[in-house]
PDB file of N, CA and C in Angstrom:
ATOM      1  N   MET A   1       0.768  -1.573  -0.043  1.00  0.00           N
ATOM      2  CA  MET A   1      -0.207   0.251  -0.068  1.00  0.00           C
ATOM      3  C   MET A   1       0.643   1.113   0.290  1.00  0.00           C
ATOM      4  N   PRO A   2       0.771   2.445  -0.755  1.00  0.00           N
ATOM      5  CA  PRO A   2       1.534   3.382  -0.718  1.00  0.00           C
ATOM      6  C   PRO A   2       1.227   4.459   0.074  1.00  0.00           C
ATOM      7  N   GLU A   3       2.303   4.933   0.734  1.00  0.00           N
ATOM      8  CA  GLU A   3       2.188   6.022   1.542  1.00  0.00           C
ATOM      9  C   GLU A   3       1.582   7.077   1.211  1.00  0.00           C
ATOM     10  N   ASN A   4       0.645   7.712   2.178  1.00  0.00           N
ATOM     11  CA  ASN A   4       0.066   9.128   2.221  1.00  0.00           C
ATOM     12  C   ASN A   4       1.260   9.921   1.851  1.00  0.00           C
ATOM     13  N   PRO A   5       0.726  10.490   0.780  1.00  0.00           N
ATOM     14  CA  PRO A   5       1.971  12.036   0.276  1.00  0.00           C
ATOM     15  C   PRO A   5       1.982  12.869   1.391  1.00  0.00           C
ATOM     16  N   ALA A   6       0.751  13.368   1.769  1.00  0.00           N
ATOM     17  CA  ALA A   6       1.080  14.528   3.058  1.00  0.00           C
ATOM     18  C   ALA A   6       1.734  13.648   4.470  1.00  0.00           C
ATOM     19  N   THR A   7       1.918  12.583   4.353  1.00  0.00           N
ATOM     20  CA  THR A   7       2.687  12.048   6.090  1.00  0.00           C
ATOM     21  C   THR A   7       4.397  11.999   5.419  1.00  0.00           C
ATOM     22  N   VAL A   8       4.510  11.955   4.255  1.00  0.00           N
ATOM     23  CA  VAL A   8       6.196  11.652   3.697  1.00  0.00           C
ATOM     24  C   VAL A   8       6.894  12.846   4.414  1.00  0.00           C
ATOM     25  N   PRO A   9       7.949  12.458   5.170  1.00  0.00           N
ATOM     26  CA  PRO A   9       8.794  13.970   5.494  1.00  0.00           C
ATOM     27  C   PRO A   9       9.317  14.010   4.247  1.00  0.00           C
ATOM     28  N   LEU A  10       9.712  15.619   4.146  1.00  0.00           N
ATOM     29  CA  LEU A  10      10.401  16.077   2.896  1.00  0.00           C
ATOM     30  C   LEU A  10      11.906  16.517   3.462  1.00  0.00           C
ATOM     31  N   PRO A  11      13.028  16.548   2.400  1.00  0.00           N
ATOM     32  CA  PRO A  11      14.110  16.780   3.031  1.00  0.00           C
ATOM     33  C   PRO A  11      14.042  18.602   3.159  1.00  0.00           C
ATOM     34  N   ASP A  12      15.024  18.971   4.001  1.00  0.00           N
ATOM     35  CA  ASP A  12      15.427  20.282   4.217  1.00  0.00           C
ATOM     36  C   ASP A  12      15.587  20.948   3.123  1.00  0.00           C
ATOM     37  N   ASP A  13      16.214  20.696   1.886  1.00  0.00           N
ATOM     38  CA  ASP A  13      16.762  21.184   0.849  1.00  0.00           C
ATOM     39  C   ASP A  13      15.083  21.146  -0.478  1.00  0.00           C
ATOM     40  N   GLY A  14      14.177  20.537  -0.393  1.00  0.00           N
ATOM     41  CA  GLY A  14      13.587  20.383  -0.970  1.00  0.00           C
ATOM     42  C   GLY A  14      11.852  21.343  -0.548  1.00  0.00           C
ATOM     43  N   PRO A  15      10.805  21.843  -1.676  1.00  0.00           N
ATOM     44  CA  PRO A  15      10.165  22.088  -1.335  1.00  0.00           C
ATOM     45  C   PRO A  15       9.018  21.578  -0.010  1.00  0.00           C
ATOM     46  N   LEU A  16       8.665  22.538   1.080  1.00  0.00           N
ATOM     47  CA  LEU A  16       7.515  21.919   1.936  1.00  0.00           C
ATOM     48  C   LEU A  16       6.616  21.237   1.015  1.00  0.00           C
ATOM     49  N   HIS A  17       6.006  21.748   0.179  1.00  0.00           N
ATOM     50  CA  HIS A  17       4.581  21.279  -0.872  1.00  0.00           C
ATOM     51  C   HIS A  17       4.570  21.180  -2.281  1.00  0.00           C
ATOM     52  N   GLY A  18       3.919  20.177  -3.283  1.00  0.00           N
ATOM     53  CA  GLY A  18       3.845  20.283  -4.416  1.00  0.00           C
ATOM     54  C   GLY A  18       3.386  21.492  -4.814  1.00  0.00           C
ATOM     55  N   ASP A  19       2.512  22.113  -4.706  1.00  0.00           N
ATOM     56  CA  ASP A  19       1.789  23.149  -5.551  1.00  0.00           C
ATOM     57  C   ASP A  19       2.281  24.651  -5.176  1.00  0.00           C
ATOM     58  N   PRO A  20       3.195  25.507  -6.401  1.00  0.00           N
ATOM     59  CA  PRO A  20       3.941  26.259  -6.151  1.00  0.00           C
ATOM     60  C   PRO A  20       3.001  27.709  -5.501  1.00  0.00           C
ATOM     61  N   GLY A  21       1.691  27.773  -6.366  1.00  0.00           N
ATOM     62  CA  GLY A  21       0.720  28.621  -6.401  1.00  0.00           C
ATOM     63  C   GLY A  21      -0.182  28.810  -4.527  1.00  0.00           C
ATOM     64  N   LEU A  22       0.006  27.562  -3.325  1.00  0.00           N
ATOM     65  CA  LEU A  22      -0.468  27.357  -2.129  1.00  0.00           C
ATOM     66  C   LEU A  22      -0.582  29.001  -1.289  1.00  0.00           C
ATOM     67  N   GLN A  23      -1.162  28.988  -0.484  1.00  0.00           N
ATOM     68  CA  GLN A  23      -1.641  29.940   0.565  1.00  0.00           C
ATOM     69  C   GLN A  23      -0.037  30.167   1.110  1.00  0.00           C
ATOM     70  N   PRO A  24       0.707  29.807   1.263  1.00  0.00           N
ATOM     71  CA  PRO A  24       2.427  30.200   1.681  1.00  0.00           C
ATOM     72  C   PRO A  24       2.760  30.912   1.237  1.00  0.00           C
ATOM     73  N   GLU A  25       2.463  30.983  -0.326  1.00  0.00           N
ATOM     74  CA  GLU A  25       3.550  31.834  -0.778  1.00  0.00           C
ATOM     75  C   GLU A  25       2.740  33.318  -1.586  1.00  0.00           C
ATOM     76  N   ARG A  26       1.585  33.151  -1.243  1.00  0.00           N
ATOM     77  CA  ARG A  26       0.350  34.209  -1.401  1.00  0.00           C
ATOM     78  C   ARG A  26       0.877  35.293  -0.093  1.00  0.00           C
ATOM     79  N   THR A  27       1.080  34.025   0.692  1.00  0.00           N
ATOM     80  CA  THR A  27       0.841  35.043   2.351  1.00  0.00           C
ATOM     81  C   THR A  27       2.403  35.334   2.326  1.00  0.00           C
ATOM     82  N   ALA A  28       3.517  35.347   1.693  1.00  0.00           N
ATOM     83  CA  ALA A  28       5.103  35.493   1.551  1.00  0.00           C
ATOM     84  C   ALA A  28       4.397  36.703   0.829  1.00  0.00           C
ATOM     85  N   LEU A  29       4.631  36.866  -0.336  1.00  0.00           N
ATOM     86  CA  LEU A  29       3.584  38.227  -1.032  1.00  0.00           C
ATOM     87  C   LEU A  29       3.494  38.829  -0.360  1.00  0.00           C
ATOM     88  N   ALA A  30       2.525  38.588   0.103  1.00  0.00           N
ATOM     89  CA  ALA A  30       1.804  40.188   1.250  1.00  0.00           C
ATOM     90  C   ALA A  30       2.211  40.230   1.871  1.00  0.00           C
ATOM     91  N   TRP A  31       3.299  40.157   3.014  1.00  0.00           N
ATOM     92  CA  TRP A  31       4.384  40.480   3.941  1.00  0.00           C
ATOM     93  C   TRP A  31       5.381  40.777   3.093  1.00  0.00           C
ATOM     94  N   GLY A  32       5.615  41.144   2.188  1.00  0.00           N
ATOM     95  CA  GLY A  32       6.750  41.200   1.603  1.00  0.00           C
ATOM     96  C   GLY A  32       5.939  42.822   0.778  1.00  0.00           C
ATOM     97  N   ARG A  33       5.229  43.149   0.626  1.00  0.00           N
ATOM     98  CA  ARG A  33       4.620  43.617   0.488  1.00  0.00           C
ATOM     99  C   ARG A  33       3.816  45.181   1.210  1.00  0.00           C
ATOM    100  N   THR A  34       3.864  44.535   2.538  1.00  0.00           N
ATOM    101  CA  THR A  34       4.017  45.414   4.099  1.00  0.00           C
ATOM    102  C   THR A  34       5.163  45.948   4.169  1.00  0.00           C
ATOM    103  N   VAL A  35       6.403  44.694   3.794  1.00  0.00           N
ATOM    104  CA  VAL A  35       7.858  45.430   4.264  1.00  0.00           C
ATOM    105  C   VAL A  35       8.066  46.962   3.613  1.00  0.00           C
ATOM    106  N   LEU A  36       7.745  46.599   2.097  1.00  0.00           N
ATOM    107  CA  LEU A  36       7.881  47.527   1.257  1.00  0.00           C
ATOM    108  C   LEU A  36       6.958  48.682   1.846  1.00  0.00           C
ATOM    109  N   THR A  37       5.460  48.643   2.212  1.00  0.00           N
ATOM    110  CA  THR A  37       4.855  49.473   2.382  1.00  0.00           C
ATOM    111  C   THR A  37       5.439  50.632   3.046  1.00  0.00           C
ATOM    112  N   LEU A  38       5.892  49.708   4.583  1.00  0.00           N
ATOM    113  CA  LEU A  38       6.639  50.289   5.413  1.00  0.00           C
ATOM    114  C   LEU A  38       7.747  51.094   5.422  1.00  0.00           C
ATOM    115  N   ILE A  39       8.570  50.627   4.639  1.00  0.00           N
ATOM    116  CA  ILE A  39       9.802  51.330   4.107  1.00  0.00           C
ATOM    117  C   ILE A  39       9.356  52.509   3.340  1.00  0.00           C
ATOM    118  N   ALA A  40       8.468  52.702   2.761  1.00  0.00           N
ATOM    119  CA  ALA A  40       8.105  53.679   2.197  1.00  0.00           C
ATOM    120  C   ALA A  40       7.386  55.447   3.056  1.00  0.00           C
ATOM    121  N   ALA A  41       6.791  54.388   4.133  1.00  0.00           N
ATOM    122  CA  ALA A  41       6.244  55.421   4.719  1.00  0.00           C
ATOM    123  C   ALA A  41       7.393  55.909   5.845  1.00  0.00           C
ATOM    124  N   SER A  42       8.757  54.971   6.219  1.00  0.00           N
ATOM    125  CA  SER A  42       9.564  55.553   6.816  1.00  0.00           C
ATOM    126  C   SER A  42      10.483  56.801   5.843  1.00  0.00           C
ATOM    127  N   ALA A  43      10.227  56.412   4.504  1.00  0.00           N
ATOM    128  CA  ALA A  43      10.471  57.426   4.029  1.00  0.00           C
ATOM    129  C   ALA A  43      10.228  58.700   3.876  1.00  0.00           C
ATOM    130  N   ILE A  44       8.711  58.792   4.089  1.00  0.00           N
ATOM    131  CA  ILE A  44       7.711  60.049   4.022  1.00  0.00           C
ATOM    132  C   ILE A  44       7.913  60.453   5.303  1.00  0.00           C
ATOM    133  N   CYS A  45       8.492  59.621   6.500  1.00  0.00           N
ATOM    134  CA  CYS A  45       8.439  60.689   7.703  1.00  0.00           C
ATOM    135  C   CYS A  45       9.534  60.938   7.837  1.00  0.00           C
ATOM    136  N   LEU A  46      10.659  60.653   7.225  1.00  0.00           N
ATOM    137  CA  LEU A  46      12.071  61.826   7.340  1.00  0.00           C
ATOM    138  C   LEU A  46      11.465  62.999   6.661  1.00  0.00           C
ATOM    139  N   ARG A  47      10.603  63.119   5.799  1.00  0.00           N
ATOM    140  CA  ARG A  47      10.288  64.757   5.029  1.00  0.00           C
ATOM    141  C   ARG A  47       9.134  65.334   6.749  1.00  0.00           C
ATOM    142  N   TRP A  48       9.304  64.988   6.830  1.00  0.00           N
ATOM    143  CA  TRP A  48       8.373  65.887   7.538  1.00  0.00           C
ATOM    144  C   TRP A  48       9.326  66.253   9.326  1.00  0.00           C
ATOM    145  N   ILE A  49      10.354  65.797   9.231  1.00  0.00           N
ATOM    146  CA  ILE A  49      11.100  66.371  10.302  1.00  0.00           C
ATOM    147  C   ILE A  49      11.194  67.565  10.279  1.00  0.00           C
ATOM    148  N   PRO A  50      11.491  68.698   9.498  1.00  0.00           N
ATOM    149  CA  PRO A  50      11.671  70.304   8.909  1.00  0.00           C
ATOM    150  C   PRO A  50      10.589  71.243   9.422  1.00  0.00           C
ATOM    151  N   GLU A  51       9.241  70.181   9.459  1.00  0.00           N
ATOM    152  CA  GLU A  51       7.917  70.743   9.586  1.00  0.00           C
ATOM    153  C   GLU A  51       7.442  70.502  11.074  1.00  0.00           C
ATOM    154  N   GLN A  52       7.663  69.396  11.647  1.00  0.00           N
ATOM    155  CA  GLN A  52       7.084  68.962  12.931  1.00  0.00           C
ATOM    156  C   GLN A  52       8.125  68.250  13.910  1.00  0.00           C
ATOM    157  N   GLY A  53       9.358  68.595  13.170  1.00  0.00           N
ATOM    158  CA  GLY A  53      10.094  68.326  14.386  1.00  0.00           C
ATOM    159  C   GLY A  53      10.682  66.992  14.390  1.00  0.00           C
ATOM    160  N   PRO A  54      11.837  66.771  15.695  1.00  0.00           N
ATOM    161  CA  PRO A  54      12.347  65.425  15.785  1.00  0.00           C
ATOM    162  C   PRO A  54      11.548  64.183  15.996  1.00  0.00           C
ATOM    163  N   PHE A  55      10.060  64.767  16.858  1.00  0.00           N
ATOM    164  CA  PHE A  55       9.494  63.217  17.093  1.00  0.00           C
ATOM    165  C   PHE A  55       8.950  62.729  16.085  1.00  0.00           C
ATOM    166  N   VAL A  56       8.849  62.881  14.795  1.00  0.00           N
ATOM    167  CA  VAL A  56       8.969  62.042  13.741  1.00  0.00           C
ATOM    168  C   VAL A  56      10.013  61.121  13.677  1.00  0.00           C
ATOM    169  N   LEU A  57      10.844  61.145  14.466  1.00  0.00           N
ATOM    170  CA  LEU A  57      11.895  59.837  14.399  1.00  0.00           C
ATOM    171  C   LEU A  57      10.995  58.819  14.938  1.00  0.00           C
ATOM    172  N   ALA A  58      10.393  58.653  16.073  1.00  0.00           N
ATOM    173  CA  ALA A  58       9.419  57.602  16.814  1.00  0.00           C
ATOM    174  C   ALA A  58       8.536  57.033  15.409  1.00  0.00           C
ATOM    175  N   MET A  59       8.320  58.253  14.719  1.00  0.00           N
ATOM    176  CA  MET A  59       7.139  57.330  13.564  1.00  0.00           C
ATOM    177  C   MET A  59       8.530  56.553  12.359  1.00  0.00           C
ATOM    178  N   PHE A  60       9.614  57.339  12.475  1.00  0.00           N
ATOM    179  CA  PHE A  60      10.538  56.740  11.379  1.00  0.00           C
ATOM    180  C   PHE A  60      10.860  54.900  12.287  1.00  0.00           C
ATOM    181  N   GLY A  61      11.516  55.528  13.549  1.00  0.00           N
ATOM    182  CA  GLY A  61      11.604  54.077  14.140  1.00  0.00           C
ATOM    183  C   GLY A  61      11.127  53.134  14.210  1.00  0.00           C
ATOM    184  N   LEU A  62       9.614  53.428  14.660  1.00  0.00           N
ATOM    185  CA  LEU A  62       8.663  52.337  14.919  1.00  0.00           C
ATOM    186  C   LEU A  62       8.389  51.827  13.225  1.00  0.00           C
ATOM    187  N   THR A  63       8.336  52.045  12.346  1.00  0.00           N
ATOM    188  CA  THR A  63       8.101  51.588  10.936  1.00  0.00           C
ATOM    189  C   THR A  63       9.371  50.895  10.567  1.00  0.00           C
ATOM    190  N   VAL A  64      10.954  51.229  10.821  1.00  0.00           N
ATOM    191  CA  VAL A  64      11.643  50.655  10.045  1.00  0.00           C
ATOM    192  C   VAL A  64      11.471  49.108  10.987  1.00  0.00           C
ATOM    193  N   ALA A  65      11.284  49.735  12.688  1.00  0.00           N
ATOM    194  CA  ALA A  65      11.405  48.040  13.433  1.00  0.00           C
ATOM    195  C   ALA A  65      10.472  47.104  13.177  1.00  0.00           C
ATOM    196  N   ALA A  66       8.909  47.541  12.846  1.00  0.00           N
ATOM    197  CA  ALA A  66       8.253  47.009  11.842  1.00  0.00           C
ATOM    198  C   ALA A  66       8.640  46.223  10.669  1.00  0.00           C
ATOM    199  N   GLY A  67       9.304  46.582   9.715  1.00  0.00           N
ATOM    200  CA  GLY A  67       9.347  46.310   8.463  1.00  0.00           C
ATOM    201  C   GLY A  67      10.642  45.109   8.529  1.00  0.00           C
ATOM    202  N   THR A  68      11.663  45.518   9.768  1.00  0.00           N
ATOM    203  CA  THR A  68      12.720  44.432   9.940  1.00  0.00           C
ATOM    204  C   THR A  68      12.000  43.584  10.722  1.00  0.00           C
ATOM    205  N   ALA A  69      11.202  43.515  11.661  1.00  0.00           N
ATOM    206  CA  ALA A  69      10.596  42.266  12.622  1.00  0.00           C
ATOM    207  C   ALA A  69       9.614  41.723  11.127  1.00  0.00           C
ATOM    208  N   ILE A  70       9.260  42.097  10.923  1.00  0.00           N
ATOM    209  CA  ILE A  70       8.305  41.226   9.649  1.00  0.00           C
ATOM    210  C   ILE A  70       9.007  40.650   8.822  1.00  0.00           C
ATOM    211  N   TYR A  71      10.542  41.436   8.602  1.00  0.00           N
ATOM    212  CA  TYR A  71      11.411  40.526   7.390  1.00  0.00           C
ATOM    213  C   TYR A  71      12.207  39.465   7.753  1.00  0.00           C
ATOM    214  N   LEU A  72      12.489  40.062   8.940  1.00  0.00           N
ATOM    215  CA  LEU A  72      13.707  38.341   9.523  1.00  0.00           C
ATOM    216  C   LEU A  72      12.766  37.187  10.127  1.00  0.00           C
ATOM    217  N   THR A  73      11.091  37.746  10.512  1.00  0.00           N
ATOM    218  CA  THR A  73      10.680  36.522  11.114  1.00  0.00           C
ATOM    219  C   THR A  73       9.764  35.813   9.736  1.00  0.00           C
ATOM    220  N   GLN A  74      10.102  36.188   8.337  1.00  0.00           N
ATOM    221  CA  GLN A  74       9.373  35.793   6.837  1.00  0.00           C
ATOM    222  C   GLN A  74       9.458  34.608   7.112  1.00  0.00           C
ATOM    223  N   ARG A  75      10.796  33.846   7.145  1.00  0.00           N
ATOM    224  CA  ARG A  75      11.217  32.581   6.308  1.00  0.00           C
ATOM    225  C   ARG A  75      10.284  31.690   7.525  1.00  0.00           C
ATOM    226  N   ARG A  76      10.375  32.076   8.840  1.00  0.00           N
ATOM    227  CA  ARG A  76       9.873  31.109   9.869  1.00  0.00           C
ATOM    228  C   ARG A  76       8.163  30.735   9.579  1.00  0.00           C
ATOM    229  N   ARG A  77       7.432  32.013   9.473  1.00  0.00           N
ATOM    230  CA  ARG A  77       6.068  31.817   9.286  1.00  0.00           C
ATOM    231  C   ARG A  77       5.738  31.152   7.963  1.00  0.00           C
ATOM    232  N   TYR A  78       6.880  31.192   6.558  1.00  0.00           N
ATOM    233  CA  TYR A  78       6.244  30.586   5.518  1.00  0.00           C
ATOM    234  C   TYR A  78       6.519  28.837   5.844  1.00  0.00           C
ATOM    235  N   ARG A  79       7.720  28.417   6.373  1.00  0.00           N
ATOM    236  CA  ARG A  79       7.818  27.209   6.624  1.00  0.00           C
ATOM    237  C   ARG A  79       6.786  26.529   7.472  1.00  0.00           C
ATOM    238  N   ARG A  80       6.299  27.689   8.464  1.00  0.00           N
ATOM    239  CA  ARG A  80       4.997  26.716   9.693  1.00  0.00           C
ATOM    240  C   ARG A  80       3.952  27.106   8.625  1.00  0.00           C
ATOM    241  N   SER A  81       3.593  27.770   8.051  1.00  0.00           N
ATOM    242  CA  SER A  81       2.438  27.298   7.105  1.00  0.00           C
ATOM    243  C   SER A  81       2.452  26.554   5.636  1.00  0.00           C
ATOM    244  N   ALA A  82       3.465  26.794   5.398  1.00  0.00           N
ATOM    245  CA  ALA A  82       3.367  25.537   4.503  1.00  0.00           C
ATOM    246  C   ALA A  82       3.695  24.076   5.084  1.00  0.00           C
ATOM    247  N   GLU A  83       4.154  23.654   6.216  1.00  0.00           N
ATOM    248  CA  GLU A  83       3.934  22.324   7.121  1.00  0.00           C
ATOM    249  C   GLU A  83       2.298  21.777   7.531  1.00  0.00           C
ATOM    250  N   GLY A  84       1.760  23.269   7.616  1.00  0.00           N
ATOM    251  CA  GLY A  84       0.038  23.194   8.216  1.00  0.00           C
ATOM    252  C   GLY A  84      -0.373  22.700   6.966  1.00  0.00           C
ATOM    253  N   ILE A  85      -0.340  22.859   5.924  1.00  0.00           N
ATOM    254  CA  ILE A  85      -0.873  22.763   5.100  1.00  0.00           C
ATOM    255  C   ILE A  85      -0.398  21.481   4.844  1.00  0.00           C
ATOM    256  N   ARG A  86       0.774  20.719   4.792  1.00  0.00           N
ATOM    257  CA  ARG A  86       0.981  19.668   4.808  1.00  0.00           C
ATOM    258  C   ARG A  86       0.212  18.330   5.709  1.00  0.00           C
ATOM    259  N   GLU A  87       0.288  18.818   6.505  1.00  0.00           N
ATOM    260  CA  GLU A  87      -0.283  18.579   8.336  1.00  0.00           C
ATOM    261  C   GLU A  87      -1.931  18.337   7.905  1.00  0.00           C
ATOM    262  N   GLY A  88      -2.294  19.188   7.319  1.00  0.00           N
ATOM    263  CA  GLY A  88      -3.771  19.382   7.258  1.00  0.00           C
ATOM    264  C   GLY A  88      -4.554  20.432   8.548  1.00  0.00           C
ATOM    265  N   ARG A  89      -3.982  21.113   8.736  1.00  0.00           N
ATOM    266  CA  ARG A  89      -4.309  21.952  10.022  1.00  0.00           C
ATOM    267  C   ARG A  89      -2.778  22.884  10.302  1.00  0.00           C
ATOM    268  N   LEU A  90      -3.869  23.965  10.240  1.00  0.00           N
ATOM    269  CA  LEU A  90      -2.633  25.480  10.312  1.00  0.00           C
ATOM    270  C   LEU A  90      -3.805  26.235  10.987  1.00  0.00           C
ATOM    271  N   ALA A  91      -2.889  26.703  12.148  1.00  0.00           N
ATOM    272  CA  ALA A  91      -2.851  27.790  13.394  1.00  0.00           C
ATOM    273  C   ALA A  91      -2.569  29.263  12.826  1.00  0.00           C
ATOM    274  N   PRO A  92      -3.920  29.919  12.871  1.00  0.00           N
ATOM    275  CA  PRO A  92      -3.131  31.452  12.649  1.00  0.00           C
ATOM    276  C   PRO A  92      -1.745  32.389  13.870  1.00  0.00           C
ATOM    277  N   GLY A  93      -1.076  33.036  12.944  1.00  0.00           N
ATOM    278  CA  GLY A  93       0.036  33.547  13.504  1.00  0.00           C
ATOM    279  C   GLY A  93      -0.617  34.167  14.178  1.00  0.00           C
ATOM    280  N   ILE A  94      -0.887  34.476  16.110  1.00  0.00           N
ATOM    281  CA  ILE A  94      -1.530  35.433  16.473  1.00  0.00           C
ATOM    282  C   ILE A  94      -0.725  36.260  16.935  1.00  0.00           C
ATOM    283  N   ALA A  95       0.528  35.792  17.160  1.00  0.00           N
ATOM    284  CA  ALA A  95       1.701  37.206  17.802  1.00  0.00           C
ATOM    285  C   ALA A  95       1.886  37.808  16.984  1.00  0.00           C
ATOM    286  N   ALA A  96       1.748  37.666  15.748  1.00  0.00           N
ATOM    287  CA  ALA A  96       2.402  38.084  14.083  1.00  0.00           C
ATOM    288  C   ALA A  96       0.995  39.623  14.290  1.00  0.00           C
ATOM    289  N   ILE A  97       0.130  38.871  14.169  1.00  0.00           N
ATOM    290  CA  ILE A  97      -1.225  40.018  13.947  1.00  0.00           C
ATOM    291  C   ILE A  97      -1.387  40.892  14.941  1.00  0.00           C
ATOM    292  N   LEU A  98      -1.135  40.366  16.070  1.00  0.00           N
ATOM    293  CA  LEU A  98      -1.223  41.298  17.291  1.00  0.00           C
ATOM    294  C   LEU A  98      -0.091  42.604  17.181  1.00  0.00           C
ATOM    295  N   TRP A  99       1.318  41.643  17.204  1.00  0.00           N
ATOM    296  CA  TRP A  99       1.860  42.911  16.858  1.00  0.00           C
ATOM    297  C   TRP A  99       2.301  43.600  15.751  1.00  0.00           C
ATOM    298  N   THR A 100       1.903  43.387  14.453  1.00  0.00           N
ATOM    299  CA  THR A 100       1.673  44.288  13.426  1.00  0.00           C
ATOM    300  C   THR A 100       0.026  44.965  13.458  1.00  0.00           C
ATOM    301  N   ALA A 101      -0.888  44.791  14.029  1.00  0.00           N
ATOM    302  CA  ALA A 101      -2.026  45.766  14.532  1.00  0.00           C
ATOM    303  C   ALA A 101      -1.568  46.731  15.643  1.00  0.00           C
ATOM    304  N   GLY A 102      -0.754  46.223  16.561  1.00  0.00           N
ATOM    305  CA  GLY A 102      -0.229  46.978  17.263  1.00  0.00           C
ATOM    306  C   GLY A 102       0.696  48.101  16.955  1.00  0.00           C
ATOM    307  N   ALA A 103       1.633  47.922  15.999  1.00  0.00           N
ATOM    308  CA  ALA A 103       2.328  48.635  15.362  1.00  0.00           C
ATOM    309  C   ALA A 103       1.848  49.260  14.661  1.00  0.00           C
ATOM    310  N   CYS A 104       0.117  49.272  14.041  1.00  0.00           N
ATOM    311  CA  CYS A 104      -0.165  50.003  13.094  1.00  0.00           C
ATOM    312  C   CYS A 104      -1.006  51.256  13.627  1.00  0.00           C
ATOM    313  N   PHE A 105      -1.812  50.610  14.914  1.00  0.00           N
ATOM    314  CA  PHE A 105      -2.082  51.525  15.559  1.00  0.00           C
ATOM    315  C   PHE A 105      -1.095  52.456  16.602  1.00  0.00           C
ATOM    316  N   ALA A 106       0.007  52.235  16.938  1.00  0.00           N
ATOM    317  CA  ALA A 106       0.882  53.193  17.338  1.00  0.00           C
ATOM    318  C   ALA A 106       1.575  54.368  16.126  1.00  0.00           C
ATOM    319  N   LEU A 107       1.332  53.670  14.982  1.00  0.00           N
ATOM    320  CA  LEU A 107       2.198  54.540  13.564  1.00  0.00           C
ATOM    321  C   LEU A 107       0.528  55.848  13.784  1.00  0.00           C
ATOM    322  N   GLY A 108      -1.011  55.075  13.813  1.00  0.00           N
ATOM    323  CA  GLY A 108      -2.190  56.199  13.806  1.00  0.00           C
ATOM    324  C   GLY A 108      -2.024  56.931  14.803  1.00  0.00           C
ATOM    325  N   ALA A 109      -1.865  56.612  15.887  1.00  0.00           N
ATOM    326  CA  ALA A 109      -1.580  57.815  17.109  1.00  0.00           C
ATOM    327  C   ALA A 109      -0.612  58.635  17.025  1.00  0.00           C
ATOM    328  N   ILE A 110       0.479  58.330  16.801  1.00  0.00           N
ATOM    329  CA  ILE A 110       1.305  59.089  16.882  1.00  0.00           C
ATOM    330  C   ILE A 110       0.999  60.196  15.380  1.00  0.00           C
ATOM    331  N   GLY A 111       0.687  59.784  14.369  1.00  0.00           N
ATOM    332  CA  GLY A 111       0.357  60.399  13.186  1.00  0.00           C
ATOM    333  C   GLY A 111      -0.648  61.732  13.802  1.00  0.00           C
ATOM    334  N   VAL A 112      -1.962  61.089  14.291  1.00  0.00           N
ATOM    335  CA  VAL A 112      -3.022  61.830  14.853  1.00  0.00           C
ATOM    336  C   VAL A 112      -1.958  63.158  15.624  1.00  0.00           C
ATOM    337  N   TRP A 113      -1.390  62.343  16.549  1.00  0.00           N
ATOM    338  CA  TRP A 113      -0.868  63.386  17.554  1.00  0.00           C
ATOM    339  C   TRP A 113      -0.237  64.850  16.954  1.00  0.00           C
ATOM    340  N   LEU A 114       0.819  64.481  16.213  1.00  0.00           N
ATOM    341  CA  LEU A 114       1.260  64.824  14.957  1.00  0.00           C
ATOM    342  C   LEU A 114       0.878  65.959  13.938  1.00  0.00           C
ATOM    343  N   VAL A 115      -0.628  65.651  13.753  1.00  0.00           N
ATOM    344  CA  VAL A 115      -1.620  66.554  13.343  1.00  0.00           C
ATOM    345  C   VAL A 115      -2.183  67.462  13.811  1.00  0.00           C
ATOM    346  N   LEU A 116      -2.758  66.986  14.774  1.00  0.00           N
ATOM    347  CA  LEU A 116      -3.578  68.011  16.236  1.00  0.00           C
ATOM    348  C   LEU A 116      -2.150  68.831  16.995  1.00  0.00           C
ATOM    349  N   SER A 117      -0.878  68.596  17.402  1.00  0.00           N
ATOM    350  CA  SER A 117      -0.161  69.537  17.782  1.00  0.00           C
ATOM    351  C   SER A 117       0.122  70.677  16.904  1.00  0.00           C
TER     352      SER A 117
END
């Protein structure tokens, strides 16, 4: 009787699943767009320094930190997603979601404070 392909362990250097268009690839692309957006936002923050003062550096630092954190954890998230699909169960990355939401909230709060001050 042939083995179930979902339970066969894959080598570390091979693909984690057989369909390159599955959810992990789309999610990786979405996180890549998020990093690119944060880089653009951090550059825009630097343009505001003459008008808003050095407090804008807090926004710059937050956008750079968020983009760096997403970039550095992307490989682990991709592997976890691909393994979850292969195993038939996938849990959402609650920490990444909460951290990103918190960074967005903080950026929005700093932006509102700068506009109103």
